[in-house]
Amino acid sequence: MAEPIPFSAALRERSSSAHSGSEHAGFMSDLMQGKGTRDDYVALVAQHWFIYEALEAVTERMRRDPVASVFISDKLTRLPALEADLAFLLGSDWRERIEPLPTTRRYVERIRRVGATWPGGFVAHHYTRYLGDLSGGLFIGKLMQRQFGFDTNGIGFYVFGDIADPRAFKDVYREQLDAAPWDAAEQERVIDEVLVAYRFNTDLFVDLAAAKDSAAVVA
C-alpha cells in the first residue's frame, strides 16, 4: 500500500502550475528580465505594502489561535522593511503617493475576511506570501539590486536578516503544515485558498501592466 502523500507535498504539487503562472505574468517577467523600469519596481513595492499591512494585521489576531499561531514568526515580518524601502524610493511622503490597485483592494479584503474567521485560510495566505518570499523572492531581490544599482536600501523587503538558513526554515514550516490538525476536507479548503491567493497575485501583475500602459498613454 502506497504511503500517503504529506499535506505539504500535496499542497506544493497542486499549486505548482498556479505558482508558475504567477511568476511568468507579463509585468513580473519583464521586470525580472531587465525590461522593466525603476518606476515599475516602485509600483510593485507600493502594492506589496497594502498586502502586507493587511496580512500582518491579521497575523497579530491569529497569534491567539492554537493552530495558526504555530506558523507565525517575527522573523518573517515584512512591513517595516517595506516602509523603509518606500521611504528610500519615494521619499518621506510616500504614504500620500501610493494607492491600491483594484486587485490589491480585493486581495486585502480577502485577507482581512479570512484572517478574521478562518485559521486555515489565514495559513494559506501566510504560506503563499512568506514561503514565496523565502524562495523566489530572494532571487528577485538580487536581480533588482543589480538592475537598479541598489545597495540594501530599496530591497529590504527581500532581505531576511534573521533567517540564516531559508531552506531549513521552509522545511520546518512544511513539517508544521503536515502536523496541522486538519482533516481531508479542511486540507482541500486550504489548498483551494492557496490557489485563490496565487490568482490574486497573477491578477495584480495584470493590473500593474494596465496601470503602466495607462500612464504611458497619458504621458
N, C-alpha and C. Protein backbone atom coordinates (compact mmCIF):
# COMPACT_ATOMS: atom_id res chain seq x y z
N MET A 1 0.85 -1.19 0.00
CA MET A 1 0.00 0.00 0.00
C MET A 1 0.88 1.24 0.00
N ALA A 2 0.60 2.15 -0.89
CA ALA A 2 1.43 3.35 -1.03
C ALA A 2 1.30 4.24 0.20
N GLU A 3 2.40 4.85 0.56
CA GLU A 3 2.39 5.81 1.67
C GLU A 3 1.58 7.04 1.27
N PRO A 4 0.76 7.57 2.17
CA PRO A 4 0.02 8.79 1.83
C PRO A 4 0.98 9.96 1.59
N ILE A 5 0.62 10.81 0.67
CA ILE A 5 1.45 11.99 0.36
C ILE A 5 1.30 13.00 1.48
N PRO A 6 2.41 13.51 2.05
CA PRO A 6 2.30 14.53 3.08
C PRO A 6 1.53 15.74 2.56
N PHE A 7 0.80 16.38 3.43
CA PHE A 7 -0.02 17.52 3.02
C PHE A 7 0.81 18.60 2.35
N SER A 8 1.98 18.89 2.89
CA SER A 8 2.82 19.95 2.31
C SER A 8 3.22 19.62 0.88
N ALA A 9 3.46 18.33 0.61
CA ALA A 9 3.82 17.92 -0.75
C ALA A 9 2.61 18.03 -1.68
N ALA A 10 1.45 17.62 -1.19
CA ALA A 10 0.23 17.74 -2.00
C ALA A 10 -0.07 19.20 -2.30
N LEU A 11 0.12 20.04 -1.31
CA LEU A 11 -0.12 21.48 -1.48
C LEU A 11 0.82 22.06 -2.53
N ARG A 12 2.08 21.72 -2.43
CA ARG A 12 3.06 22.23 -3.40
C ARG A 12 2.76 21.72 -4.81
N GLU A 13 2.41 20.44 -4.91
CA GLU A 13 2.12 19.86 -6.22
C GLU A 13 0.87 20.49 -6.85
N ARG A 14 -0.18 20.64 -6.06
CA ARG A 14 -1.44 21.16 -6.58
C ARG A 14 -1.35 22.64 -6.96
N SER A 15 -0.44 23.36 -6.32
CA SER A 15 -0.34 24.81 -6.58
C SER A 15 0.81 25.17 -7.52
N SER A 16 1.55 24.17 -7.99
CA SER A 16 2.77 24.48 -8.76
C SER A 16 2.46 25.22 -10.06
N SER A 17 1.42 24.82 -10.76
CA SER A 17 1.11 25.49 -12.02
C SER A 17 0.63 26.91 -11.79
N ALA A 18 -0.14 27.13 -10.72
CA ALA A 18 -0.59 28.48 -10.38
C ALA A 18 0.59 29.35 -9.98
N HIS A 19 1.51 28.77 -9.27
CA HIS A 19 2.72 29.49 -8.86
C HIS A 19 3.52 29.90 -10.08
N SER A 20 3.70 28.96 -11.01
CA SER A 20 4.46 29.24 -12.22
C SER A 20 3.77 30.31 -13.06
N GLY A 21 2.45 30.23 -13.16
CA GLY A 21 1.70 31.22 -13.93
C GLY A 21 1.83 32.61 -13.36
N SER A 22 1.85 32.70 -12.03
CA SER A 22 2.01 33.99 -11.38
C SER A 22 3.39 34.56 -11.65
N GLU A 23 4.41 33.71 -11.51
CA GLU A 23 5.80 34.16 -11.73
C GLU A 23 6.02 34.66 -13.15
N HIS A 24 5.34 34.05 -14.12
CA HIS A 24 5.59 34.38 -15.52
C HIS A 24 4.58 35.35 -16.11
N ALA A 25 3.75 35.96 -15.26
CA ALA A 25 2.86 37.01 -15.74
C ALA A 25 3.71 38.12 -16.37
N GLY A 26 3.19 38.76 -17.41
CA GLY A 26 3.98 39.67 -18.21
C GLY A 26 4.73 40.74 -17.45
N PHE A 27 4.06 41.43 -16.54
CA PHE A 27 4.69 42.52 -15.81
C PHE A 27 5.89 42.01 -15.02
N MET A 28 5.70 40.92 -14.29
CA MET A 28 6.78 40.40 -13.45
C MET A 28 7.88 39.80 -14.30
N SER A 29 7.51 39.13 -15.36
CA SER A 29 8.51 38.55 -16.26
C SER A 29 9.39 39.64 -16.85
N ASP A 30 8.77 40.74 -17.28
CA ASP A 30 9.55 41.85 -17.83
C ASP A 30 10.50 42.43 -16.80
N LEU A 31 10.00 42.59 -15.58
CA LEU A 31 10.83 43.16 -14.52
C LEU A 31 12.05 42.27 -14.25
N MET A 32 11.83 40.98 -14.23
CA MET A 32 12.92 40.06 -13.93
C MET A 32 13.89 39.91 -15.09
N GLN A 33 13.44 40.20 -16.31
CA GLN A 33 14.31 40.09 -17.48
C GLN A 33 15.01 41.40 -17.83
N GLY A 34 14.88 42.38 -16.95
CA GLY A 34 15.56 43.64 -17.19
C GLY A 34 14.83 44.57 -18.13
N LYS A 35 13.57 44.26 -18.47
CA LYS A 35 12.79 45.10 -19.37
C LYS A 35 11.93 46.12 -18.62
N GLY A 36 11.88 45.99 -17.31
CA GLY A 36 11.09 46.91 -16.50
C GLY A 36 11.92 48.11 -16.07
N THR A 37 11.23 49.12 -15.56
CA THR A 37 11.90 50.34 -15.11
C THR A 37 11.90 50.42 -13.59
N ARG A 38 12.64 51.39 -13.10
CA ARG A 38 12.64 51.64 -11.66
C ARG A 38 11.23 51.96 -11.19
N ASP A 39 10.48 52.73 -11.98
CA ASP A 39 9.10 53.06 -11.63
C ASP A 39 8.23 51.81 -11.54
N ASP A 40 8.49 50.85 -12.41
CA ASP A 40 7.74 49.58 -12.34
C ASP A 40 8.00 48.89 -11.01
N TYR A 41 9.25 48.87 -10.63
CA TYR A 41 9.61 48.23 -9.36
C TYR A 41 8.96 48.95 -8.19
N VAL A 42 8.99 50.27 -8.21
CA VAL A 42 8.37 51.06 -7.13
C VAL A 42 6.87 50.76 -7.05
N ALA A 43 6.23 50.64 -8.21
CA ALA A 43 4.80 50.34 -8.23
C ALA A 43 4.51 49.00 -7.57
N LEU A 44 5.38 48.03 -7.79
CA LEU A 44 5.22 46.71 -7.17
C LEU A 44 5.40 46.80 -5.65
N VAL A 45 6.42 47.52 -5.22
CA VAL A 45 6.67 47.68 -3.79
C VAL A 45 5.46 48.33 -3.11
N ALA A 46 4.88 49.32 -3.75
CA ALA A 46 3.73 50.00 -3.18
C ALA A 46 2.56 49.05 -2.96
N GLN A 47 2.29 48.20 -3.95
CA GLN A 47 1.19 47.24 -3.79
C GLN A 47 1.50 46.21 -2.71
N HIS A 48 2.75 45.83 -2.60
CA HIS A 48 3.14 44.92 -1.52
C HIS A 48 2.84 45.53 -0.16
N TRP A 49 3.02 46.82 -0.02
CA TRP A 49 2.77 47.44 1.28
C TRP A 49 1.32 47.23 1.71
N PHE A 50 0.38 47.45 0.81
CA PHE A 50 -1.03 47.27 1.17
C PHE A 50 -1.32 45.81 1.54
N ILE A 51 -0.73 44.89 0.81
CA ILE A 51 -0.96 43.47 1.06
C ILE A 51 -0.41 43.06 2.42
N TYR A 52 0.82 43.47 2.70
CA TYR A 52 1.44 43.05 3.95
C TYR A 52 0.90 43.81 5.16
N GLU A 53 0.42 45.00 4.93
CA GLU A 53 -0.23 45.72 6.02
C GLU A 53 -1.45 44.95 6.49
N ALA A 54 -2.20 44.40 5.55
CA ALA A 54 -3.37 43.59 5.89
C ALA A 54 -2.95 42.25 6.50
N LEU A 55 -2.00 41.58 5.87
CA LEU A 55 -1.59 40.26 6.32
C LEU A 55 -1.00 40.31 7.73
N GLU A 56 -0.18 41.31 8.00
CA GLU A 56 0.46 41.35 9.31
C GLU A 56 -0.47 41.88 10.40
N ALA A 57 -1.52 42.59 10.00
CA ALA A 57 -2.55 42.97 10.97
C ALA A 57 -3.33 41.73 11.42
N VAL A 58 -3.70 40.88 10.48
CA VAL A 58 -4.44 39.68 10.88
C VAL A 58 -3.51 38.67 11.55
N THR A 59 -2.22 38.74 11.24
CA THR A 59 -1.25 37.89 11.94
C THR A 59 -1.30 38.15 13.43
N GLU A 60 -1.38 39.40 13.82
CA GLU A 60 -1.46 39.74 15.25
C GLU A 60 -2.69 39.10 15.88
N ARG A 61 -3.81 39.10 15.16
CA ARG A 61 -5.04 38.49 15.67
C ARG A 61 -4.88 36.98 15.81
N MET A 62 -4.20 36.38 14.83
CA MET A 62 -4.08 34.93 14.81
C MET A 62 -3.04 34.39 15.80
N ARG A 63 -2.29 35.26 16.43
CA ARG A 63 -1.33 34.79 17.44
C ARG A 63 -2.04 34.04 18.57
N ARG A 64 -3.32 34.30 18.76
CA ARG A 64 -4.07 33.66 19.84
C ARG A 64 -4.70 32.33 19.42
N ASP A 65 -4.60 32.01 18.14
CA ASP A 65 -5.21 30.78 17.65
C ASP A 65 -4.23 29.61 17.81
N PRO A 66 -4.66 28.49 18.38
CA PRO A 66 -3.71 27.39 18.64
C PRO A 66 -3.12 26.76 17.39
N VAL A 67 -3.85 26.79 16.27
CA VAL A 67 -3.33 26.20 15.03
C VAL A 67 -2.52 27.22 14.24
N ALA A 68 -3.09 28.38 13.98
CA ALA A 68 -2.42 29.39 13.15
C ALA A 68 -1.15 29.92 13.80
N SER A 69 -1.15 30.03 15.12
CA SER A 69 0.00 30.65 15.81
C SER A 69 1.29 29.87 15.61
N VAL A 70 1.17 28.59 15.33
CA VAL A 70 2.35 27.74 15.12
C VAL A 70 3.19 28.26 13.94
N PHE A 71 2.52 28.84 12.95
CA PHE A 71 3.19 29.27 11.73
C PHE A 71 3.75 30.70 11.81
N ILE A 72 3.42 31.39 12.86
CA ILE A 72 3.79 32.81 12.96
C ILE A 72 5.19 32.96 13.55
N SER A 73 6.01 33.74 12.87
CA SER A 73 7.36 34.04 13.34
C SER A 73 7.69 35.49 13.04
N ASP A 74 8.19 36.19 14.04
CA ASP A 74 8.56 37.59 13.83
C ASP A 74 9.69 37.72 12.81
N LYS A 75 10.41 36.64 12.58
CA LYS A 75 11.48 36.67 11.59
C LYS A 75 10.96 36.90 10.17
N LEU A 76 9.68 36.66 9.98
CA LEU A 76 9.08 36.83 8.66
C LEU A 76 8.53 38.24 8.42
N THR A 77 8.36 39.01 9.45
CA THR A 77 7.68 40.31 9.34
C THR A 77 8.33 41.18 8.27
N ARG A 78 7.48 41.70 7.36
CA ARG A 78 7.99 42.46 6.21
C ARG A 78 7.60 43.94 6.22
N LEU A 79 6.62 44.32 7.00
CA LEU A 79 6.09 45.68 6.89
C LEU A 79 7.13 46.76 7.18
N PRO A 80 7.93 46.66 8.25
CA PRO A 80 8.94 47.71 8.48
C PRO A 80 9.93 47.84 7.32
N ALA A 81 10.32 46.72 6.73
CA ALA A 81 11.24 46.77 5.58
C ALA A 81 10.59 47.43 4.38
N LEU A 82 9.31 47.13 4.14
CA LEU A 82 8.61 47.76 3.04
C LEU A 82 8.50 49.27 3.24
N GLU A 83 8.24 49.69 4.45
CA GLU A 83 8.12 51.12 4.73
C GLU A 83 9.46 51.83 4.55
N ALA A 84 10.54 51.17 4.96
CA ALA A 84 11.87 51.75 4.74
C ALA A 84 12.19 51.81 3.25
N ASP A 85 11.81 50.76 2.51
CA ASP A 85 12.03 50.76 1.05
C ASP A 85 11.28 51.91 0.39
N LEU A 86 10.02 52.11 0.76
CA LEU A 86 9.22 53.17 0.15
C LEU A 86 9.75 54.55 0.51
N ALA A 87 10.22 54.71 1.72
CA ALA A 87 10.81 56.00 2.11
C ALA A 87 12.04 56.29 1.26
N PHE A 88 12.83 55.26 1.00
CA PHE A 88 14.02 55.42 0.16
C PHE A 88 13.64 55.69 -1.29
N LEU A 89 12.65 54.95 -1.80
CA LEU A 89 12.30 55.02 -3.22
C LEU A 89 11.46 56.24 -3.58
N LEU A 90 10.60 56.66 -2.65
CA LEU A 90 9.65 57.74 -2.96
C LEU A 90 9.81 58.99 -2.10
N GLY A 91 10.47 58.84 -0.95
CA GLY A 91 10.60 59.99 -0.06
C GLY A 91 9.70 59.86 1.17
N SER A 92 9.83 60.80 2.07
CA SER A 92 9.13 60.72 3.36
C SER A 92 7.61 60.83 3.21
N ASP A 93 7.15 61.34 2.08
CA ASP A 93 5.70 61.47 1.86
C ASP A 93 5.12 60.29 1.08
N TRP A 94 5.78 59.15 1.16
CA TRP A 94 5.38 58.01 0.35
C TRP A 94 3.93 57.59 0.58
N ARG A 95 3.43 57.75 1.80
CA ARG A 95 2.06 57.32 2.08
C ARG A 95 1.04 58.09 1.24
N GLU A 96 1.34 59.35 0.96
CA GLU A 96 0.42 60.17 0.17
C GLU A 96 0.57 59.89 -1.33
N ARG A 97 1.58 59.15 -1.70
CA ARG A 97 1.88 58.96 -3.12
C ARG A 97 1.52 57.57 -3.65
N ILE A 98 0.97 56.72 -2.81
CA ILE A 98 0.61 55.38 -3.26
C ILE A 98 -0.87 55.12 -3.01
N GLU A 99 -1.44 54.26 -3.84
CA GLU A 99 -2.82 53.83 -3.63
C GLU A 99 -2.97 52.41 -4.16
N PRO A 100 -3.87 51.64 -3.58
CA PRO A 100 -4.02 50.25 -4.02
C PRO A 100 -4.71 50.15 -5.37
N LEU A 101 -4.26 49.23 -6.19
CA LEU A 101 -4.94 48.91 -7.45
C LEU A 101 -6.18 48.06 -7.16
N PRO A 102 -7.09 47.94 -8.12
CA PRO A 102 -8.33 47.19 -7.87
C PRO A 102 -8.11 45.78 -7.34
N THR A 103 -7.18 45.04 -7.94
CA THR A 103 -6.92 43.69 -7.45
C THR A 103 -6.37 43.72 -6.04
N THR A 104 -5.53 44.68 -5.74
CA THR A 104 -4.98 44.79 -4.39
C THR A 104 -6.10 45.03 -3.38
N ARG A 105 -7.06 45.85 -3.72
CA ARG A 105 -8.18 46.09 -2.81
C ARG A 105 -8.93 44.79 -2.53
N ARG A 106 -9.18 44.01 -3.57
CA ARG A 106 -9.90 42.74 -3.38
C ARG A 106 -9.05 41.74 -2.60
N TYR A 107 -7.77 41.72 -2.87
CA TYR A 107 -6.83 40.82 -2.18
C TYR A 107 -6.79 41.17 -0.69
N VAL A 108 -6.67 42.42 -0.38
CA VAL A 108 -6.62 42.88 1.01
C VAL A 108 -7.92 42.52 1.73
N GLU A 109 -9.04 42.73 1.07
CA GLU A 109 -10.34 42.39 1.67
C GLU A 109 -10.42 40.90 1.95
N ARG A 110 -9.93 40.09 1.02
CA ARG A 110 -9.94 38.64 1.22
C ARG A 110 -9.08 38.25 2.43
N ILE A 111 -7.89 38.81 2.52
CA ILE A 111 -7.01 38.51 3.64
C ILE A 111 -7.66 38.90 4.96
N ARG A 112 -8.27 40.07 5.00
CA ARG A 112 -8.90 40.53 6.24
C ARG A 112 -10.08 39.65 6.63
N ARG A 113 -10.90 39.27 5.65
CA ARG A 113 -12.08 38.46 5.94
C ARG A 113 -11.66 37.07 6.42
N VAL A 114 -10.74 36.46 5.70
CA VAL A 114 -10.27 35.13 6.07
C VAL A 114 -9.56 35.17 7.43
N GLY A 115 -8.75 36.20 7.61
CA GLY A 115 -7.97 36.31 8.84
C GLY A 115 -8.81 36.56 10.08
N ALA A 116 -10.04 37.01 9.87
CA ALA A 116 -10.93 37.26 11.00
C ALA A 116 -11.71 36.02 11.41
N THR A 117 -11.79 35.04 10.51
CA THR A 117 -12.74 33.95 10.75
C THR A 117 -12.19 32.54 10.57
N TRP A 118 -11.06 32.39 9.86
CA TRP A 118 -10.68 31.04 9.42
C TRP A 118 -9.16 30.83 9.52
N PRO A 119 -8.70 30.12 10.55
CA PRO A 119 -7.26 29.89 10.72
C PRO A 119 -6.60 29.21 9.52
N GLY A 120 -7.27 28.20 8.95
CA GLY A 120 -6.68 27.51 7.80
C GLY A 120 -6.51 28.42 6.61
N GLY A 121 -7.48 29.30 6.39
CA GLY A 121 -7.37 30.26 5.30
C GLY A 121 -6.27 31.27 5.53
N PHE A 122 -6.11 31.69 6.78
CA PHE A 122 -5.00 32.58 7.12
C PHE A 122 -3.67 31.90 6.79
N VAL A 123 -3.53 30.64 7.18
CA VAL A 123 -2.29 29.91 6.90
C VAL A 123 -2.06 29.82 5.39
N ALA A 124 -3.12 29.65 4.62
CA ALA A 124 -2.98 29.58 3.16
C ALA A 124 -2.35 30.86 2.61
N HIS A 125 -2.82 32.00 3.06
CA HIS A 125 -2.25 33.27 2.58
C HIS A 125 -0.85 33.50 3.16
N HIS A 126 -0.65 33.14 4.40
CA HIS A 126 0.66 33.24 5.05
C HIS A 126 1.69 32.40 4.29
N TYR A 127 1.32 31.18 3.99
CA TYR A 127 2.19 30.26 3.25
C TYR A 127 2.52 30.82 1.86
N THR A 128 1.48 31.26 1.14
CA THR A 128 1.69 31.73 -0.23
C THR A 128 2.64 32.90 -0.28
N ARG A 129 2.47 33.85 0.62
CA ARG A 129 3.32 35.04 0.61
C ARG A 129 4.72 34.72 1.14
N TYR A 130 4.81 34.24 2.36
CA TYR A 130 6.12 34.18 3.01
C TYR A 130 7.03 33.08 2.47
N LEU A 131 6.48 31.91 2.15
CA LEU A 131 7.36 30.90 1.58
C LEU A 131 7.80 31.29 0.18
N GLY A 132 6.93 32.04 -0.52
CA GLY A 132 7.36 32.59 -1.81
C GLY A 132 8.47 33.62 -1.64
N ASP A 133 8.34 34.44 -0.60
CA ASP A 133 9.37 35.45 -0.34
C ASP A 133 10.71 34.79 -0.03
N LEU A 134 10.65 33.67 0.68
CA LEU A 134 11.88 32.98 1.06
C LEU A 134 12.44 32.13 -0.07
N SER A 135 11.70 31.98 -1.14
CA SER A 135 12.16 31.20 -2.29
C SER A 135 12.55 32.14 -3.41
N GLY A 136 11.65 32.36 -4.36
CA GLY A 136 11.95 33.25 -5.48
C GLY A 136 12.22 34.68 -5.07
N GLY A 137 11.65 35.09 -3.95
CA GLY A 137 11.84 36.48 -3.52
C GLY A 137 13.29 36.85 -3.30
N LEU A 138 14.06 35.94 -2.75
CA LEU A 138 15.49 36.22 -2.52
C LEU A 138 16.21 36.46 -3.83
N PHE A 139 15.84 35.68 -4.84
CA PHE A 139 16.43 35.84 -6.17
C PHE A 139 15.99 37.16 -6.80
N ILE A 140 14.71 37.49 -6.66
CA ILE A 140 14.19 38.75 -7.22
C ILE A 140 14.92 39.94 -6.59
N GLY A 141 15.13 39.90 -5.29
CA GLY A 141 15.83 40.99 -4.63
C GLY A 141 17.22 41.23 -5.20
N LYS A 142 17.94 40.14 -5.45
CA LYS A 142 19.28 40.28 -6.02
C LYS A 142 19.23 40.83 -7.44
N LEU A 143 18.21 40.41 -8.20
CA LEU A 143 18.05 40.94 -9.56
C LEU A 143 17.79 42.44 -9.53
N MET A 144 16.87 42.88 -8.66
CA MET A 144 16.54 44.31 -8.58
C MET A 144 17.75 45.11 -8.11
N GLN A 145 18.49 44.55 -7.21
CA GLN A 145 19.70 45.20 -6.72
C GLN A 145 20.67 45.45 -7.85
N ARG A 146 20.83 44.45 -8.68
CA ARG A 146 21.76 44.55 -9.80
C ARG A 146 21.23 45.49 -10.89
N GLN A 147 19.94 45.39 -11.19
CA GLN A 147 19.38 46.18 -12.28
C GLN A 147 19.33 47.67 -11.97
N PHE A 148 19.02 48.01 -10.72
CA PHE A 148 18.78 49.40 -10.39
C PHE A 148 19.87 50.03 -9.51
N GLY A 149 20.94 49.28 -9.29
CA GLY A 149 22.07 49.82 -8.57
C GLY A 149 21.81 50.07 -7.10
N PHE A 150 20.88 49.29 -6.52
CA PHE A 150 20.61 49.43 -5.09
C PHE A 150 21.71 48.78 -4.27
N ASP A 151 21.89 49.28 -3.07
CA ASP A 151 22.71 48.56 -2.09
C ASP A 151 21.73 47.65 -1.36
N THR A 152 21.43 47.94 -0.10
CA THR A 152 20.32 47.22 0.55
C THR A 152 19.10 48.13 0.65
N ASN A 153 19.32 49.46 0.58
CA ASN A 153 18.19 50.38 0.54
C ASN A 153 17.38 50.10 -0.72
N GLY A 154 16.07 49.99 -0.55
CA GLY A 154 15.20 49.75 -1.69
C GLY A 154 14.82 48.30 -1.89
N ILE A 155 15.60 47.37 -1.35
CA ILE A 155 15.27 45.95 -1.48
C ILE A 155 15.20 45.26 -0.12
N GLY A 156 14.98 46.03 0.92
CA GLY A 156 14.92 45.45 2.27
C GLY A 156 13.83 44.40 2.42
N PHE A 157 12.77 44.53 1.65
CA PHE A 157 11.68 43.56 1.67
C PHE A 157 12.19 42.15 1.40
N TYR A 158 13.21 42.05 0.57
CA TYR A 158 13.71 40.74 0.17
C TYR A 158 14.86 40.24 1.05
N VAL A 159 15.19 40.98 2.08
CA VAL A 159 16.31 40.61 2.95
C VAL A 159 15.77 40.07 4.27
N PHE A 160 16.01 38.82 4.54
CA PHE A 160 15.58 38.19 5.79
C PHE A 160 16.80 38.01 6.69
N GLY A 161 17.19 39.09 7.33
CA GLY A 161 18.42 39.08 8.10
C GLY A 161 18.40 38.16 9.31
N ASP A 162 17.19 37.83 9.80
CA ASP A 162 17.08 36.98 10.98
C ASP A 162 16.92 35.50 10.65
N ILE A 163 16.92 35.17 9.36
CA ILE A 163 16.79 33.77 8.95
C ILE A 163 18.09 33.36 8.27
N ALA A 164 18.93 32.66 9.00
CA ALA A 164 20.26 32.31 8.49
C ALA A 164 20.18 31.26 7.38
N ASP A 165 19.20 30.37 7.47
CA ASP A 165 19.09 29.27 6.52
C ASP A 165 17.65 29.18 6.02
N PRO A 166 17.33 29.89 4.95
CA PRO A 166 15.94 29.87 4.45
C PRO A 166 15.43 28.47 4.12
N ARG A 167 16.30 27.63 3.58
CA ARG A 167 15.87 26.27 3.22
C ARG A 167 15.42 25.50 4.46
N ALA A 168 16.21 25.60 5.53
CA ALA A 168 15.85 24.90 6.77
C ALA A 168 14.56 25.47 7.36
N PHE A 169 14.40 26.79 7.28
CA PHE A 169 13.19 27.44 7.79
C PHE A 169 11.96 26.92 7.04
N LYS A 170 12.08 26.81 5.71
CA LYS A 170 10.96 26.32 4.91
C LYS A 170 10.66 24.85 5.20
N ASP A 171 11.70 24.07 5.46
CA ASP A 171 11.49 22.66 5.79
C ASP A 171 10.69 22.53 7.08
N VAL A 172 11.02 23.34 8.08
CA VAL A 172 10.28 23.30 9.34
C VAL A 172 8.84 23.73 9.11
N TYR A 173 8.65 24.77 8.30
CA TYR A 173 7.30 25.25 8.00
C TYR A 173 6.47 24.13 7.37
N ARG A 174 7.06 23.40 6.45
CA ARG A 174 6.33 22.31 5.79
C ARG A 174 6.02 21.18 6.77
N GLU A 175 6.92 20.94 7.71
CA GLU A 175 6.64 19.95 8.76
C GLU A 175 5.45 20.40 9.60
N GLN A 176 5.36 21.70 9.84
CA GLN A 176 4.22 22.23 10.60
C GLN A 176 2.92 22.08 9.81
N LEU A 177 2.98 22.27 8.49
CA LEU A 177 1.81 22.03 7.66
C LEU A 177 1.36 20.57 7.77
N ASP A 178 2.32 19.66 7.72
CA ASP A 178 1.99 18.24 7.80
C ASP A 178 1.38 17.87 9.16
N ALA A 179 1.77 18.60 10.19
CA ALA A 179 1.30 18.30 11.55
C ALA A 179 0.01 19.02 11.92
N ALA A 180 -0.45 19.93 11.07
CA ALA A 180 -1.67 20.68 11.38
C ALA A 180 -2.86 19.73 11.51
N PRO A 181 -3.73 19.95 12.49
CA PRO A 181 -4.83 19.01 12.78
C PRO A 181 -6.03 19.20 11.86
N TRP A 182 -5.80 19.11 10.56
CA TRP A 182 -6.85 19.31 9.57
C TRP A 182 -7.25 17.98 8.96
N ASP A 183 -8.54 17.76 8.82
CA ASP A 183 -9.00 16.57 8.12
C ASP A 183 -8.89 16.80 6.61
N ALA A 184 -9.24 15.78 5.84
CA ALA A 184 -9.06 15.86 4.38
C ALA A 184 -9.86 17.02 3.78
N ALA A 185 -11.06 17.25 4.29
CA ALA A 185 -11.89 18.33 3.75
C ALA A 185 -11.27 19.70 4.02
N GLU A 186 -10.72 19.86 5.22
CA GLU A 186 -10.09 21.14 5.55
C GLU A 186 -8.80 21.33 4.76
N GLN A 187 -8.07 20.27 4.54
CA GLN A 187 -6.87 20.38 3.71
C GLN A 187 -7.23 20.83 2.31
N GLU A 188 -8.33 20.31 1.77
CA GLU A 188 -8.78 20.75 0.44
C GLU A 188 -9.14 22.23 0.45
N ARG A 189 -9.80 22.67 1.49
CA ARG A 189 -10.15 24.09 1.60
C ARG A 189 -8.90 24.96 1.64
N VAL A 190 -7.89 24.53 2.37
CA VAL A 190 -6.64 25.29 2.47
C VAL A 190 -5.96 25.35 1.10
N ILE A 191 -5.90 24.23 0.40
CA ILE A 191 -5.29 24.21 -0.94
C ILE A 191 -6.06 25.16 -1.86
N ASP A 192 -7.38 25.10 -1.80
CA ASP A 192 -8.18 25.99 -2.65
C ASP A 192 -7.89 27.46 -2.35
N GLU A 193 -7.67 27.77 -1.08
CA GLU A 193 -7.40 29.17 -0.72
C GLU A 193 -6.00 29.59 -1.18
N VAL A 194 -5.06 28.67 -1.17
CA VAL A 194 -3.73 28.97 -1.74
C VAL A 194 -3.88 29.30 -3.23
N LEU A 195 -4.71 28.56 -3.94
CA LEU A 195 -4.93 28.84 -5.36
C LEU A 195 -5.59 30.20 -5.54
N VAL A 196 -6.48 30.57 -4.63
CA VAL A 196 -7.09 31.91 -4.66
C VAL A 196 -6.00 32.97 -4.50
N ALA A 197 -5.10 32.75 -3.57
CA ALA A 197 -4.02 33.72 -3.32
C ALA A 197 -3.13 33.86 -4.56
N TYR A 198 -2.80 32.77 -5.20
CA TYR A 198 -1.97 32.86 -6.41
C TYR A 198 -2.71 33.60 -7.52
N ARG A 199 -4.03 33.39 -7.60
CA ARG A 199 -4.81 34.10 -8.61
C ARG A 199 -4.77 35.61 -8.36
N PHE A 200 -4.88 36.00 -7.10
CA PHE A 200 -4.77 37.43 -6.77
C PHE A 200 -3.42 37.98 -7.21
N ASN A 201 -2.36 37.22 -6.98
CA ASN A 201 -1.03 37.69 -7.36
C ASN A 201 -0.90 37.84 -8.86
N THR A 202 -1.43 36.86 -9.61
CA THR A 202 -1.38 36.95 -11.07
C THR A 202 -2.19 38.13 -11.57
N ASP A 203 -3.39 38.31 -11.01
CA ASP A 203 -4.25 39.42 -11.41
C ASP A 203 -3.61 40.77 -11.06
N LEU A 204 -2.87 40.80 -9.98
CA LEU A 204 -2.19 42.04 -9.61
C LEU A 204 -1.17 42.43 -10.67
N PHE A 205 -0.44 41.46 -11.20
CA PHE A 205 0.53 41.77 -12.24
C PHE A 205 -0.16 42.30 -13.50
N VAL A 206 -1.35 41.78 -13.77
CA VAL A 206 -2.14 42.30 -14.89
C VAL A 206 -2.53 43.75 -14.63
N ASP A 207 -2.96 44.03 -13.41
CA ASP A 207 -3.31 45.41 -13.03
C ASP A 207 -2.11 46.35 -13.16
N LEU A 208 -0.96 45.89 -12.71
CA LEU A 208 0.24 46.72 -12.77
C LEU A 208 0.61 47.03 -14.22
N ALA A 209 0.48 46.05 -15.09
CA ALA A 209 0.78 46.25 -16.51
C ALA A 209 -0.22 47.25 -17.11
N ALA A 210 -1.50 47.11 -16.74
CA ALA A 210 -2.52 48.02 -17.27
C ALA A 210 -2.29 49.44 -16.77
N ALA A 211 -1.92 49.59 -15.51
CA ALA A 211 -1.65 50.92 -14.96
C ALA A 211 -0.44 51.54 -15.65
N LYS A 212 0.54 50.74 -15.94
CA LYS A 212 1.72 51.23 -16.66
C LYS A 212 1.34 51.71 -18.06
N ASP A 213 0.51 50.92 -18.75
CA ASP A 213 0.08 51.28 -20.10
C ASP A 213 -0.74 52.58 -20.07
N SER A 214 -1.61 52.71 -19.09
CA SER A 214 -2.43 53.91 -18.96
C SER A 214 -1.58 55.15 -18.73
N ALA A 215 -0.55 55.00 -17.88
CA ALA A 215 0.33 56.12 -17.60
C ALA A 215 1.10 56.52 -18.84
N ALA A 216 1.47 55.54 -19.67
CA ALA A 216 2.21 55.83 -20.90
C ALA A 216 1.34 56.59 -21.89
N VAL A 217 0.06 56.24 -21.94
CA VAL A 217 -0.87 56.91 -22.86
C VAL A 217 -1.07 58.36 -22.42
N VAL A 218 -1.23 58.57 -21.11
CA VAL A 218 -1.40 59.92 -20.57
C VAL A 218 -0.17 60.77 -20.84
N ALA A 219 1.01 60.16 -20.66
CA ALA A 219 2.26 60.89 -20.89
C ALA A 219 2.40 61.24 -22.36
